[in-house]
Amino acid sequence: MPHELRNIVVKELREIVRDPRLLIGMIVVPVLMMPLMGVGIRSAMEASQEQVSKMETGLLNEDWATGNRTYSELLYNMMFLNNLIIENSTAPDAASSITWAVENGISTLVVIPPMFSEEIASGRSVNVSVYQMLSHYGFDELAGSGRMDAVFTLFNNYVLHERLGNNYTSSNPYQLPVPANVVSQSVVKGEVVNVSPTSLINTVFSSGLMVPIAISVVMILAAQLAATSVAMEKEQKTLEVLLTLPIKRINILLGKLSGVIVVSALATVAMLFSYGYYMSSFTSIGGGSQLDLASIGLAPDMTGYALLAASLFLSIISALALAVLLAAYTKDVRSAQSLLGVLFLPIFIPAFLLMFAPVEILPGGMQVIIYAIPFSYPSIASKALYTKEYTIIALGVLYQIIFTAVVLFIAARLFASEKIMTARLKWSKKRKVEIE
């Protein structure tokens, strides 16, 4: 690296470190934000689970007094086996039991009607009332009725198998309700994999869910940092001094870009670290494990990572160069940050679209737009990590090289001229009159 360029890079890094607002926004906030969100969400979920485990369910069983109690006792035992804390109501009717439940802080009340067992034994259906006491209308108040829905699902399956078994004594009653049992399998690269398509797609989707958004955030933060660097130089009149030094203008541009790239790399690591902790907050609750993609040949390889890194690097460089160009036409930091909003759409929209649909199934016109936006290729490359379709990514990297070279050439020409000091966006005369 030339001595002049190294001095510019060191200068930019010192200015970034000297201004704590930049480091807080790009490194400290990403490091703290997602872990704090993960801890908060995990605490809320654990509190809800604890509340559900201690939740009491009221039961008014009118079948005990009027019926043979066979099926009402079966339902009671299923509630007990599903770890429901049951409180029996001694009230004479449902209305009085609701009052009793409210007074005793019982959130769910189950009312089994008279002749419940006889009606079921005769092959008919019976309406069982489940009352949910609502106070603050939160999702946690759905837990009581939700647990009862699960109990009734087990109860109904048991009764169905029993009824079928009585009519088809030579058959397995558990197979009678399912005459055709579907076994879903996936075909990956021509090979049959004993994994359901739903599980496989959910695993791939969840593995790469945040990659496009994280990439977009890094590009936006890097662009903001580059624009702020140029705008701050113009606002504080230090750019004039810098341009009078015996330094090549192209080295000034490369120095500013290099300094931001270093900080952007640190921001990327910080975001990946915090996102990993954020996701571990959920896996520690669920206790489940995802499908092993390596076992079916879908694990990302070094070629995919290399293309993703190249695509991301070129996207950041082009975003930085565009940010510098936009900032050159402003007079202060505030106007530069406002003007930078024009970059948000071509960065974020492809990322959101490609999170939920591959580019191949989009309409033809939209595909052209997506492929024409150089910031789309990191998101496309993140999907190619699993599909191994690297041709379009390689062509995309070539297109990004050309696009980045053109943008850098325009930026270099701007820095080489005196327009860097006087460039301003000009509004129409009507707009000037309105401002004045």
Protein backbone atom coordinates (compact mmCIF):
# COMPACT_ATOMS: atom_id res chain seq x y z
CA MET A 1 0.00 0.00 0.00
CA PRO A 2 1.44 3.43 -0.94
CA HIS A 3 2.50 5.63 1.94
CA GLU A 4 0.03 8.35 1.04
CA LEU A 5 -2.89 5.93 0.88
CA ARG A 6 -1.91 4.35 4.19
CA ASN A 7 -1.92 7.77 5.86
CA ILE A 8 -5.44 8.49 4.54
CA VAL A 9 -6.71 5.13 5.81
CA VAL A 10 -5.18 5.72 9.24
CA LYS A 11 -6.69 9.22 9.29
CA GLU A 12 -10.16 7.88 8.49
CA LEU A 13 -9.92 5.16 11.14
CA ARG A 14 -8.81 7.68 13.75
CA GLU A 15 -11.72 9.96 12.92
CA ILE A 16 -14.15 7.07 13.16
CA VAL A 17 -12.73 5.96 16.51
CA ARG A 18 -12.67 9.55 17.73
CA ASP A 19 -16.40 9.94 17.09
CA PRO A 20 -18.15 7.52 19.47
CA ARG A 21 -21.50 7.98 17.71
CA LEU A 22 -20.23 6.06 14.67
CA LEU A 23 -18.85 3.15 16.68
CA ILE A 24 -21.96 2.95 18.83
CA GLY A 25 -24.22 2.86 15.79
CA MET A 26 -22.25 0.28 13.81
CA ILE A 27 -20.67 -2.02 16.40
CA VAL A 28 -21.94 -1.49 19.95
CA VAL A 29 -25.65 -1.37 19.05
CA PRO A 30 -25.59 -4.57 16.93
CA VAL A 31 -23.62 -6.37 19.65
CA LEU A 32 -26.13 -5.41 22.36
CA MET A 33 -29.41 -5.19 20.45
CA MET A 34 -30.05 -8.78 19.42
CA PRO A 35 -28.75 -10.40 22.63
CA LEU A 36 -30.95 -8.07 24.67
CA MET A 37 -33.90 -8.90 22.42
CA GLY A 38 -33.14 -12.60 22.79
CA VAL A 39 -32.89 -12.38 26.59
CA GLY A 40 -36.10 -10.35 26.75
CA ILE A 41 -38.06 -12.71 24.51
CA ARG A 42 -36.70 -15.76 26.30
CA SER A 43 -37.64 -14.30 29.69
CA ALA A 44 -41.16 -13.52 28.47
CA MET A 45 -41.60 -17.00 27.01
CA GLU A 46 -40.26 -18.68 30.14
CA ALA A 47 -42.57 -16.58 32.29
CA SER A 48 -45.52 -17.58 30.10
CA GLN A 49 -44.53 -21.25 30.29
CA GLU A 50 -44.22 -21.05 34.06
CA GLN A 51 -47.61 -19.39 34.31
CA VAL A 52 -49.17 -22.08 32.13
CA SER A 53 -47.62 -24.83 34.23
CA LYS A 54 -49.24 -23.34 37.35
CA MET A 55 -52.55 -22.54 35.66
CA GLU A 56 -55.60 -24.02 37.35
CA THR A 57 -58.53 -25.42 35.35
CA GLY A 58 -61.98 -25.45 36.89
CA LEU A 59 -64.26 -28.42 36.24
CA LEU A 60 -68.03 -28.66 36.68
CA ASN A 61 -68.94 -32.28 35.94
CA GLU A 62 -72.72 -32.59 35.77
CA ASP A 63 -72.36 -36.09 34.32
CA TRP A 64 -71.33 -37.46 37.69
CA ALA A 65 -74.79 -36.85 39.11
CA THR A 66 -76.87 -37.96 36.11
CA GLY A 67 -74.84 -40.43 34.03
CA ASN A 68 -72.73 -43.53 34.40
CA ARG A 69 -69.58 -41.34 34.53
CA THR A 70 -67.53 -43.65 32.26
CA TYR A 71 -66.45 -41.07 29.69
CA SER A 72 -66.41 -38.10 32.04
CA GLU A 73 -63.95 -39.97 34.23
CA LEU A 74 -61.91 -40.78 31.13
CA LEU A 75 -61.82 -37.08 30.24
CA TYR A 76 -60.84 -36.21 33.80
CA ASN A 77 -57.96 -38.69 33.71
CA MET A 78 -56.73 -37.29 30.39
CA MET A 79 -56.74 -33.80 31.85
CA PHE A 80 -54.74 -35.07 34.82
CA LEU A 81 -52.25 -36.94 32.60
CA ASN A 82 -51.69 -33.71 30.61
CA ASN A 83 -50.51 -31.99 33.82
CA LEU A 84 -53.56 -29.79 34.25
CA ILE A 85 -54.20 -28.63 37.80
CA ILE A 86 -57.91 -29.43 38.24
CA GLU A 87 -60.19 -27.68 40.72
CA ASN A 88 -63.67 -29.19 40.99
CA SER A 89 -66.57 -26.78 41.22
CA THR A 90 -69.35 -27.48 43.70
CA ALA A 91 -71.60 -24.79 42.24
CA PRO A 92 -75.04 -25.95 41.02
CA ASP A 93 -74.77 -24.64 37.45
CA ALA A 94 -72.48 -23.09 34.84
CA ALA A 95 -73.29 -19.45 35.71
CA SER A 96 -72.47 -19.99 39.39
CA SER A 97 -69.31 -21.87 38.42
CA ILE A 98 -68.15 -18.94 36.28
CA THR A 99 -68.59 -16.63 39.29
CA TRP A 100 -66.69 -19.13 41.45
CA ALA A 101 -63.86 -19.32 38.89
CA VAL A 102 -63.51 -15.52 38.64
CA GLU A 103 -63.47 -15.14 42.43
CA ASN A 104 -60.78 -17.82 42.83
CA GLY A 105 -58.54 -16.65 39.98
CA ILE A 106 -59.18 -19.71 37.80
CA SER A 107 -58.70 -18.78 34.16
CA THR A 108 -60.35 -21.77 32.42
CA LEU A 109 -63.60 -23.53 33.27
CA VAL A 110 -64.79 -26.80 31.70
CA VAL A 111 -68.47 -27.73 32.02
CA ILE A 112 -69.38 -31.36 31.23
CA PRO A 113 -73.15 -31.57 30.60
CA PRO A 114 -75.57 -34.14 32.07
CA MET A 115 -75.81 -37.55 30.36
CA PHE A 116 -72.38 -36.96 28.79
CA SER A 117 -71.30 -40.60 28.99
CA GLU A 118 -74.63 -42.01 27.77
CA GLU A 119 -74.70 -39.74 24.74
CA ILE A 120 -71.17 -40.69 23.69
CA ALA A 121 -71.81 -44.39 24.30
CA SER A 122 -74.81 -44.17 21.98
CA GLY A 123 -72.63 -42.80 19.18
CA ARG A 124 -73.75 -39.18 19.33
CA SER A 125 -71.79 -35.94 19.82
CA VAL A 126 -71.98 -33.81 22.96
CA ASN A 127 -71.23 -30.10 23.40
CA VAL A 128 -68.76 -29.45 26.20
CA SER A 129 -68.44 -25.77 27.19
CA VAL A 130 -64.99 -24.32 27.85
CA TYR A 131 -65.02 -20.81 29.34
CA GLN A 132 -61.86 -18.69 29.21
CA MET A 133 -61.66 -15.79 31.64
CA LEU A 134 -60.14 -12.74 29.93
CA SER A 135 -58.61 -9.76 31.73
CA HIS A 136 -55.73 -8.19 29.79
CA TYR A 137 -56.36 -9.88 26.40
CA GLY A 138 -52.85 -11.21 25.97
CA PHE A 139 -51.76 -14.33 24.11
CA ASP A 140 -50.98 -16.04 27.41
CA GLU A 141 -54.73 -16.12 28.14
CA LEU A 142 -55.15 -18.51 25.23
CA ALA A 143 -53.01 -21.14 26.95
CA GLY A 144 -55.80 -22.60 29.10
CA SER A 145 -58.30 -23.18 26.31
CA GLY A 146 -55.45 -24.29 24.04
CA ARG A 147 -54.43 -27.01 26.47
CA MET A 148 -58.03 -28.16 26.72
CA ASP A 149 -58.21 -28.33 22.91
CA ALA A 150 -55.26 -30.73 23.02
CA VAL A 151 -57.00 -32.85 25.68
CA PHE A 152 -60.20 -33.03 23.63
CA THR A 153 -58.20 -34.05 20.56
CA LEU A 154 -56.82 -37.03 22.49
CA PHE A 155 -60.22 -37.83 23.94
CA ASN A 156 -61.96 -37.73 20.54
CA ASN A 157 -59.29 -39.92 18.95
CA TYR A 158 -59.66 -42.47 21.70
CA VAL A 159 -63.44 -42.59 21.36
CA LEU A 160 -63.19 -42.78 17.55
CA HIS A 161 -60.81 -45.75 17.73
CA GLU A 162 -63.08 -47.41 20.24
CA ARG A 163 -66.14 -46.99 18.03
CA LEU A 164 -64.31 -48.25 14.97
CA GLY A 165 -62.90 -51.18 16.86
CA ASN A 166 -66.39 -52.28 17.91
CA ASN A 167 -67.53 -52.38 14.28
CA TYR A 168 -64.32 -53.74 12.73
CA THR A 169 -63.22 -56.32 15.27
CA SER A 170 -60.68 -57.91 12.91
CA SER A 171 -58.82 -54.65 12.17
CA ASN A 172 -56.45 -52.41 14.10
CA PRO A 173 -58.66 -49.55 15.39
CA TYR A 174 -55.76 -47.07 15.19
CA GLN A 175 -55.34 -47.74 11.45
CA LEU A 176 -59.02 -47.50 10.56
CA PRO A 177 -59.23 -43.66 10.58
CA VAL A 178 -56.19 -43.45 8.27
CA PRO A 179 -56.75 -45.70 5.24
CA ALA A 180 -53.93 -43.99 3.29
CA ASN A 181 -50.89 -43.02 5.33
CA VAL A 182 -48.78 -40.46 3.44
CA VAL A 183 -44.99 -40.81 3.71
CA SER A 184 -43.45 -37.63 2.28
CA GLN A 185 -39.89 -37.81 0.97
CA SER A 186 -37.65 -35.36 -0.81
CA VAL A 187 -35.57 -35.74 -3.96
CA VAL A 188 -32.33 -33.78 -3.73
CA LYS A 189 -30.06 -33.77 -6.79
CA GLY A 190 -31.78 -36.86 -8.12
CA GLU A 191 -31.35 -38.79 -4.87
CA VAL A 192 -34.25 -39.79 -2.61
CA VAL A 193 -33.86 -38.43 0.92
CA ASN A 194 -36.00 -39.80 3.71
CA VAL A 195 -36.96 -36.31 4.91
CA SER A 196 -40.29 -34.57 4.40
CA PRO A 197 -40.20 -31.56 2.04
CA THR A 198 -41.75 -29.41 4.75
CA SER A 199 -38.95 -30.16 7.23
CA LEU A 200 -36.26 -29.64 4.62
CA ILE A 201 -37.62 -26.35 3.31
CA ASN A 202 -38.24 -25.02 6.83
CA THR A 203 -34.67 -25.85 7.82
CA VAL A 204 -33.16 -24.14 4.76
CA PHE A 205 -35.47 -21.15 5.14
CA SER A 206 -34.73 -20.68 8.83
CA SER A 207 -30.98 -21.15 8.26
CA GLY A 208 -30.84 -18.30 5.75
CA LEU A 209 -33.72 -16.19 7.02
CA MET A 210 -31.69 -13.35 8.44
CA VAL A 211 -28.79 -13.45 5.98
CA PRO A 212 -30.29 -11.05 3.39
CA ILE A 213 -31.46 -8.61 6.07
CA ALA A 214 -28.12 -8.70 7.89
CA ILE A 215 -26.30 -8.08 4.60
CA SER A 216 -28.61 -5.15 3.79
CA VAL A 217 -28.11 -3.60 7.21
CA VAL A 218 -24.33 -3.83 6.87
CA MET A 219 -24.45 -2.15 3.44
CA ILE A 220 -26.69 0.65 4.75
CA LEU A 221 -24.48 1.26 7.78
CA ALA A 222 -21.36 1.29 5.61
CA ALA A 223 -22.96 3.71 3.14
CA GLN A 224 -24.03 6.00 5.97
CA LEU A 225 -20.53 5.98 7.39
CA ALA A 226 -18.96 6.83 4.01
CA ALA A 227 -21.48 9.60 3.33
CA THR A 228 -20.99 11.02 6.81
CA SER A 229 -17.21 11.04 6.33
CA VAL A 230 -17.39 13.11 3.14
CA ALA A 231 -20.18 15.38 4.38
CA MET A 232 -18.35 16.04 7.63
CA GLU A 233 -15.23 17.04 5.71
CA LYS A 234 -17.29 19.51 3.65
CA GLU A 235 -19.24 20.80 6.65
CA GLN A 236 -16.08 21.43 8.70
CA LYS A 237 -14.18 22.84 5.67
CA THR A 238 -11.39 20.28 6.11
CA LEU A 239 -11.89 18.82 2.65
CA GLU A 240 -10.39 21.94 1.10
CA VAL A 241 -7.23 21.49 3.15
CA LEU A 242 -7.06 17.79 2.31
CA LEU A 243 -7.35 18.46 -1.43
CA THR A 244 -4.49 20.98 -1.35
CA LEU A 245 -2.04 18.39 0.01
CA PRO A 246 0.37 16.70 -2.43
CA ILE A 247 -1.73 13.54 -2.49
CA LYS A 248 -3.40 11.97 -5.47
CA ARG A 249 -7.14 12.51 -5.43
CA ILE A 250 -7.76 8.84 -6.15
CA ASN A 251 -5.82 7.95 -2.98
CA ILE A 252 -8.09 10.25 -0.98
CA LEU A 253 -11.13 8.41 -2.34
CA LEU A 254 -9.61 4.95 -1.79
CA GLY A 255 -8.47 5.94 1.70
CA LYS A 256 -11.96 6.98 2.72
CA LEU A 257 -13.45 3.81 1.30
CA SER A 258 -10.79 1.59 2.91
CA GLY A 259 -11.34 3.05 6.35
CA VAL A 260 -15.07 2.40 6.14
CA ILE A 261 -14.50 -1.15 4.85
CA VAL A 262 -12.44 -2.00 7.95
CA VAL A 263 -15.19 -0.77 10.27
CA SER A 264 -17.85 -2.50 8.14
CA ALA A 265 -16.02 -5.80 8.55
CA LEU A 266 -16.06 -5.36 12.33
CA ALA A 267 -19.76 -4.49 12.17
CA THR A 268 -20.42 -7.66 10.14
CA VAL A 269 -18.68 -9.83 12.73
CA ALA A 270 -20.55 -8.06 15.54
CA MET A 271 -23.90 -8.61 13.83
CA LEU A 272 -23.24 -12.28 13.11
CA PHE A 273 -22.16 -12.83 16.71
CA SER A 274 -25.23 -11.12 18.14
CA TYR A 275 -27.53 -12.92 15.71
CA GLY A 276 -26.06 -16.27 16.74
CA TYR A 277 -26.80 -15.48 20.37
CA TYR A 278 -30.28 -14.27 19.41
CA MET A 279 -31.10 -17.56 17.68
CA SER A 280 -29.66 -19.61 20.56
CA SER A 281 -32.23 -17.94 22.81
CA PHE A 282 -34.97 -19.77 20.94
CA THR A 283 -33.24 -23.12 20.51
CA SER A 284 -32.55 -23.24 24.24
CA ILE A 285 -36.29 -22.91 24.86
CA GLY A 286 -37.53 -25.27 22.21
CA GLY A 287 -34.93 -27.91 22.93
CA GLY A 288 -35.17 -29.17 19.36
CA SER A 289 -32.52 -29.52 16.74
CA GLN A 290 -32.68 -28.73 13.08
CA LEU A 291 -32.14 -31.14 10.24
CA ASP A 292 -28.49 -31.87 9.50
CA LEU A 293 -28.06 -30.44 6.00
CA ALA A 294 -24.58 -31.93 5.65
CA SER A 295 -26.03 -35.44 5.88
CA ILE A 296 -28.04 -34.89 2.67
CA GLY A 297 -25.41 -32.93 0.76
CA LEU A 298 -26.89 -29.45 1.24
CA ALA A 299 -24.27 -27.98 3.54
CA PRO A 300 -22.61 -24.84 2.12
CA ASP A 301 -19.15 -25.41 0.64
CA MET A 302 -16.13 -23.15 0.22
CA THR A 303 -17.06 -22.22 -3.36
CA GLY A 304 -20.39 -20.88 -2.19
CA TYR A 305 -18.82 -18.96 0.69
CA ALA A 306 -16.20 -17.50 -1.64
CA LEU A 307 -18.82 -16.27 -4.11
CA LEU A 308 -20.96 -14.88 -1.28
CA ALA A 309 -17.94 -13.05 0.16
CA ALA A 310 -17.01 -11.64 -3.25
CA SER A 311 -20.58 -10.55 -3.95
CA LEU A 312 -20.92 -8.94 -0.53
CA PHE A 313 -17.56 -7.18 -0.83
CA LEU A 314 -18.40 -5.76 -4.25
CA SER A 315 -21.85 -4.69 -3.04
CA ILE A 316 -20.32 -2.82 -0.12
CA ILE A 317 -17.74 -1.15 -2.38
CA SER A 318 -20.39 -0.02 -4.86
CA ALA A 319 -22.66 1.17 -2.05
CA LEU A 320 -19.76 3.13 -0.54
CA ALA A 321 -18.89 4.71 -3.88
CA LEU A 322 -22.52 5.68 -4.50
CA ALA A 323 -22.76 7.10 -0.98
CA VAL A 324 -19.63 9.19 -1.57
CA LEU A 325 -21.09 10.47 -4.84
CA LEU A 326 -24.36 11.43 -3.16
CA ALA A 327 -22.57 13.06 -0.22
CA ALA A 328 -20.44 15.12 -2.62
CA TYR A 329 -23.61 16.92 -3.70
CA THR A 330 -24.55 17.95 -0.16
CA LYS A 331 -23.23 20.61 2.15
CA ASP A 332 -23.55 19.01 5.59
CA VAL A 333 -24.11 15.73 7.41
CA ARG A 334 -27.85 16.18 7.81
CA SER A 335 -28.51 16.67 4.11
CA ALA A 336 -26.19 13.76 3.27
CA GLN A 337 -28.10 11.40 5.57
CA SER A 338 -31.40 12.53 4.05
CA LEU A 339 -30.19 12.11 0.47
CA LEU A 340 -28.82 8.67 1.28
CA GLY A 341 -32.39 7.42 1.62
CA VAL A 342 -32.48 6.85 -2.15
CA LEU A 343 -30.17 3.85 -1.61
CA PHE A 344 -32.52 2.16 0.84
CA LEU A 345 -35.02 0.94 -1.76
CA PRO A 346 -32.57 -0.87 -4.10
CA ILE A 347 -30.88 -2.45 -1.08
CA PHE A 348 -33.81 -3.56 1.05
CA ILE A 349 -36.51 -4.43 -1.50
CA PRO A 350 -34.56 -7.24 -3.23
CA ALA A 351 -33.58 -8.63 0.17
CA PHE A 352 -37.20 -8.82 1.34
CA LEU A 353 -38.44 -10.29 -1.95
CA LEU A 354 -35.75 -12.96 -2.08
CA MET A 355 -36.40 -13.99 1.52
CA PHE A 356 -39.72 -15.53 0.49
CA ALA A 357 -39.41 -16.34 -3.22
CA PRO A 358 -36.53 -17.33 -5.50
CA VAL A 359 -35.85 -14.96 -8.33
CA GLU A 360 -36.65 -17.66 -10.92
CA ILE A 361 -40.40 -17.69 -10.12
CA LEU A 362 -40.86 -13.92 -10.19
CA PRO A 363 -42.45 -12.22 -13.25
CA GLY A 364 -40.05 -11.55 -16.12
CA GLY A 365 -40.00 -7.78 -15.65
CA MET A 366 -39.29 -8.11 -11.95
CA GLN A 367 -36.49 -10.59 -12.64
CA VAL A 368 -34.84 -8.05 -14.93
CA ILE A 369 -35.06 -5.40 -12.21
CA ILE A 370 -33.66 -7.75 -9.55
CA TYR A 371 -30.74 -8.83 -11.75
CA ALA A 372 -30.04 -5.19 -12.70
CA ILE A 373 -29.67 -4.14 -9.06
CA PRO A 374 -26.11 -5.03 -7.99
CA PHE A 375 -27.16 -5.24 -4.33
CA SER A 376 -29.41 -8.23 -5.09
CA TYR A 377 -26.56 -10.68 -5.64
CA PRO A 378 -25.53 -11.25 -2.00
CA SER A 379 -29.10 -12.38 -1.26
CA ILE A 380 -29.11 -14.58 -4.37
CA ALA A 381 -25.71 -15.98 -3.37
CA SER A 382 -26.99 -16.84 0.12
CA LYS A 383 -29.66 -19.05 -1.48
CA ALA A 384 -27.07 -20.60 -3.82
CA LEU A 385 -25.20 -21.87 -0.76
CA TYR A 386 -27.80 -24.67 -0.67
CA THR A 387 -28.77 -25.06 -4.33
CA LYS A 388 -25.14 -25.05 -5.55
CA GLU A 389 -26.23 -23.15 -8.68
CA TYR A 390 -23.15 -20.97 -8.96
CA THR A 391 -23.29 -19.95 -12.64
CA ILE A 392 -25.67 -17.03 -12.16
CA ILE A 393 -23.68 -15.95 -9.08
CA ALA A 394 -20.41 -15.94 -11.02
CA LEU A 395 -22.04 -13.88 -13.78
CA GLY A 396 -23.46 -11.61 -11.09
CA VAL A 397 -20.02 -11.09 -9.58
CA LEU A 398 -18.72 -10.17 -13.04
CA TYR A 399 -21.57 -7.68 -13.44
CA GLN A 400 -20.84 -6.26 -9.99
CA ILE A 401 -17.17 -5.80 -10.92
CA ILE A 402 -18.17 -3.80 -13.99
CA PHE A 403 -20.77 -1.77 -12.07
CA THR A 404 -18.38 -1.08 -9.19
CA ALA A 405 -15.60 -0.07 -11.60
CA VAL A 406 -17.93 2.38 -13.35
CA VAL A 407 -19.10 3.90 -10.06
CA LEU A 408 -15.53 4.17 -8.77
CA PHE A 409 -14.45 5.76 -12.05
CA ILE A 410 -17.20 8.40 -11.77
CA ALA A 411 -16.31 9.02 -8.13
CA ALA A 412 -12.63 9.31 -9.00
CA ARG A 413 -13.39 11.79 -11.77
CA LEU A 414 -15.45 13.84 -9.34
CA PHE A 415 -12.66 13.86 -6.75
CA ALA A 416 -10.12 14.76 -9.44
CA SER A 417 -12.06 17.88 -10.39
CA GLU A 418 -12.91 21.01 -8.47
CA LYS A 419 -16.60 20.09 -8.59
CA ILE A 420 -16.06 18.14 -5.39
CA MET A 421 -16.06 21.51 -3.60
CA THR A 422 -18.92 23.21 -5.41
CA ALA A 423 -21.25 20.38 -6.41
CA ARG A 424 -24.85 20.89 -5.26
CA LEU A 425 -28.18 19.43 -6.22
CA LYS A 426 -30.21 22.08 -8.03
CA TRP A 427 -33.93 22.29 -7.53
CA SER A 428 -36.35 23.83 -10.00
CA LYS A 429 -37.12 27.54 -9.87
CA LYS A 430 -40.58 26.79 -8.57
CA ARG A 431 -39.02 24.79 -5.76
CA LYS A 432 -36.60 27.63 -4.96
CA VAL A 433 -39.44 30.06 -4.69
CA GLU A 434 -41.26 27.70 -2.35
CA ILE A 435 -38.23 27.33 -0.10
CA GLU A 436 -37.58 31.03 0.02
